[in-house]
Amino acid sequence: MKNFASKIFKYRSYSPLPFLLLMVYFQVATVSSMIIGFLIALIGEFFRLWGVSHAGSETRTTDGVGGTFLVVSGAFAYVRNPLYLGNMLMYLGIGIMSMALFPYLQIIALV
């Protein structure tokens, strides 16, 4: 089980690919969905940038889970993991932009 979890952690950057393929194939975007989705994705990117600016290089590893110290400043003072929150908001925003399989694909983005 530990081996499987390590593999998933190592390749976590590729997890959005199936999500993106579904959005491209089933998209029915409108102007309002593009604007609302873009704003939500932008908020998500803000959380990621704010988190990374305080966490430094602790968040840029695929070698293993765990860091050398606990980050408690910036966004980490308010949210346990602002990078994951940012990812979820970006996926949700992109899902709303495409309006693909609404609302099912957007709900999956939040899981």
Protein backbone atom coordinates (compact mmCIF):
# COMPACT_ATOMS: atom_id res chain seq x y z
CA MET A 1 0.00 0.00 0.00
CA LYS A 2 2.83 2.39 0.81
CA ASN A 3 4.34 1.75 -2.62
CA PHE A 4 1.03 2.63 -4.33
CA ALA A 5 0.67 5.83 -2.28
CA SER A 6 4.24 6.84 -3.16
CA LYS A 7 3.53 6.36 -6.88
CA ILE A 8 0.34 8.43 -6.68
CA PHE A 9 2.20 11.19 -4.83
CA LYS A 10 5.06 11.18 -7.32
CA TYR A 11 2.77 11.50 -10.37
CA ARG A 12 0.16 13.81 -8.81
CA SER A 13 0.90 16.50 -11.40
CA TYR A 14 -0.80 14.36 -14.05
CA SER A 15 -4.07 13.90 -12.15
CA PRO A 16 -5.88 16.78 -13.95
CA LEU A 17 -5.35 15.29 -17.42
CA PRO A 18 -8.48 13.08 -17.56
CA PHE A 19 -10.46 16.00 -16.13
CA LEU A 20 -9.17 18.33 -18.86
CA LEU A 21 -9.86 15.82 -21.65
CA LEU A 22 -13.48 15.45 -20.52
CA MET A 23 -13.87 19.22 -20.42
CA VAL A 24 -12.56 19.67 -23.95
CA TYR A 25 -14.78 16.91 -25.34
CA PHE A 26 -18.03 17.90 -23.58
CA GLN A 27 -17.62 21.69 -23.38
CA VAL A 28 -20.65 23.97 -23.86
CA ALA A 29 -19.11 27.23 -22.70
CA THR A 30 -20.94 30.54 -22.58
CA VAL A 31 -19.61 34.04 -22.05
CA SER A 32 -20.92 34.15 -18.48
CA SER A 33 -19.50 30.69 -17.66
CA MET A 34 -16.12 31.80 -19.00
CA ILE A 35 -16.09 34.95 -16.85
CA ILE A 36 -17.29 33.26 -13.64
CA GLY A 37 -15.00 30.26 -14.13
CA PHE A 38 -12.02 32.48 -14.86
CA LEU A 39 -12.57 34.48 -11.68
CA ILE A 40 -12.82 31.30 -9.56
CA ALA A 41 -9.67 29.88 -11.20
CA LEU A 42 -7.90 33.19 -10.59
CA ILE A 43 -8.79 33.04 -6.88
CA GLY A 44 -7.39 29.49 -6.83
CA GLU A 45 -4.16 30.64 -8.42
CA PHE A 46 -3.93 33.44 -5.86
CA PHE A 47 -4.17 30.88 -3.01
CA ARG A 48 -1.45 28.75 -4.62
CA LEU A 49 0.89 31.69 -5.12
CA TRP A 50 0.28 32.96 -1.59
CA GLY A 51 0.95 29.50 -0.17
CA VAL A 52 4.08 28.87 -2.23
CA SER A 53 5.48 32.28 -1.32
CA HIS A 54 5.41 31.26 2.35
CA ALA A 55 6.25 27.57 2.01
CA GLY A 56 9.27 28.00 -0.24
CA SER A 57 10.93 24.85 -1.54
CA GLU A 58 9.08 22.60 0.95
CA THR A 59 6.23 22.25 -1.57
CA ARG A 60 8.31 21.50 -4.64
CA THR A 61 9.26 17.89 -4.09
CA THR A 62 8.05 14.62 -5.55
CA ASP A 63 10.55 12.48 -3.64
CA GLY A 64 8.38 11.80 -0.62
CA VAL A 65 5.62 13.00 1.61
CA GLY A 66 6.49 15.29 4.50
CA GLY A 67 8.57 18.37 5.02
CA THR A 68 11.36 19.40 7.33
CA PHE A 69 9.31 22.07 9.13
CA LEU A 70 5.71 23.18 9.61
CA VAL A 71 4.70 26.33 7.74
CA VAL A 72 2.31 28.45 9.83
CA SER A 73 2.54 31.86 8.14
CA GLY A 74 0.66 33.41 5.24
CA ALA A 75 -2.21 31.36 3.85
CA PHE A 76 -1.13 28.41 6.01
CA ALA A 77 -2.25 30.42 9.07
CA TYR A 78 -5.85 30.27 7.78
CA VAL A 79 -6.06 27.07 5.71
CA ARG A 80 -4.36 23.76 6.40
CA ASN A 81 -3.17 23.39 2.81
CA PRO A 82 -3.74 26.42 0.57
CA LEU A 83 -2.03 24.69 -2.34
CA TYR A 84 -4.69 21.97 -2.44
CA LEU A 85 -7.45 24.54 -1.94
CA GLY A 86 -5.97 26.53 -4.83
CA ASN A 87 -5.88 23.43 -7.03
CA MET A 88 -9.50 22.60 -6.24
CA LEU A 89 -10.61 26.15 -7.03
CA MET A 90 -8.65 26.17 -10.28
CA TYR A 91 -10.16 22.84 -11.38
CA LEU A 92 -13.62 24.07 -10.38
CA GLY A 93 -13.11 27.34 -12.27
CA ILE A 94 -11.95 25.58 -15.41
CA GLY A 95 -14.86 23.16 -15.11
CA ILE A 96 -17.29 26.07 -14.86
CA MET A 97 -15.61 27.76 -17.83
CA SER A 98 -16.27 24.69 -19.99
CA MET A 99 -19.70 23.85 -18.46
CA ALA A 100 -18.90 20.25 -19.43
CA LEU A 101 -21.18 17.63 -17.84
CA PHE A 102 -22.54 20.29 -15.49
CA PRO A 103 -22.72 19.88 -12.46
CA TYR A 104 -21.08 16.44 -12.21
CA LEU A 105 -17.59 17.35 -13.45
CA GLN A 106 -17.52 20.44 -11.26
CA ILE A 107 -18.44 18.40 -8.18
CA ILE A 108 -15.62 15.95 -8.96
CA ALA A 109 -13.21 18.91 -8.98
CA LEU A 110 -14.08 19.54 -5.34
CA VAL A 111 -13.35 15.97 -4.23
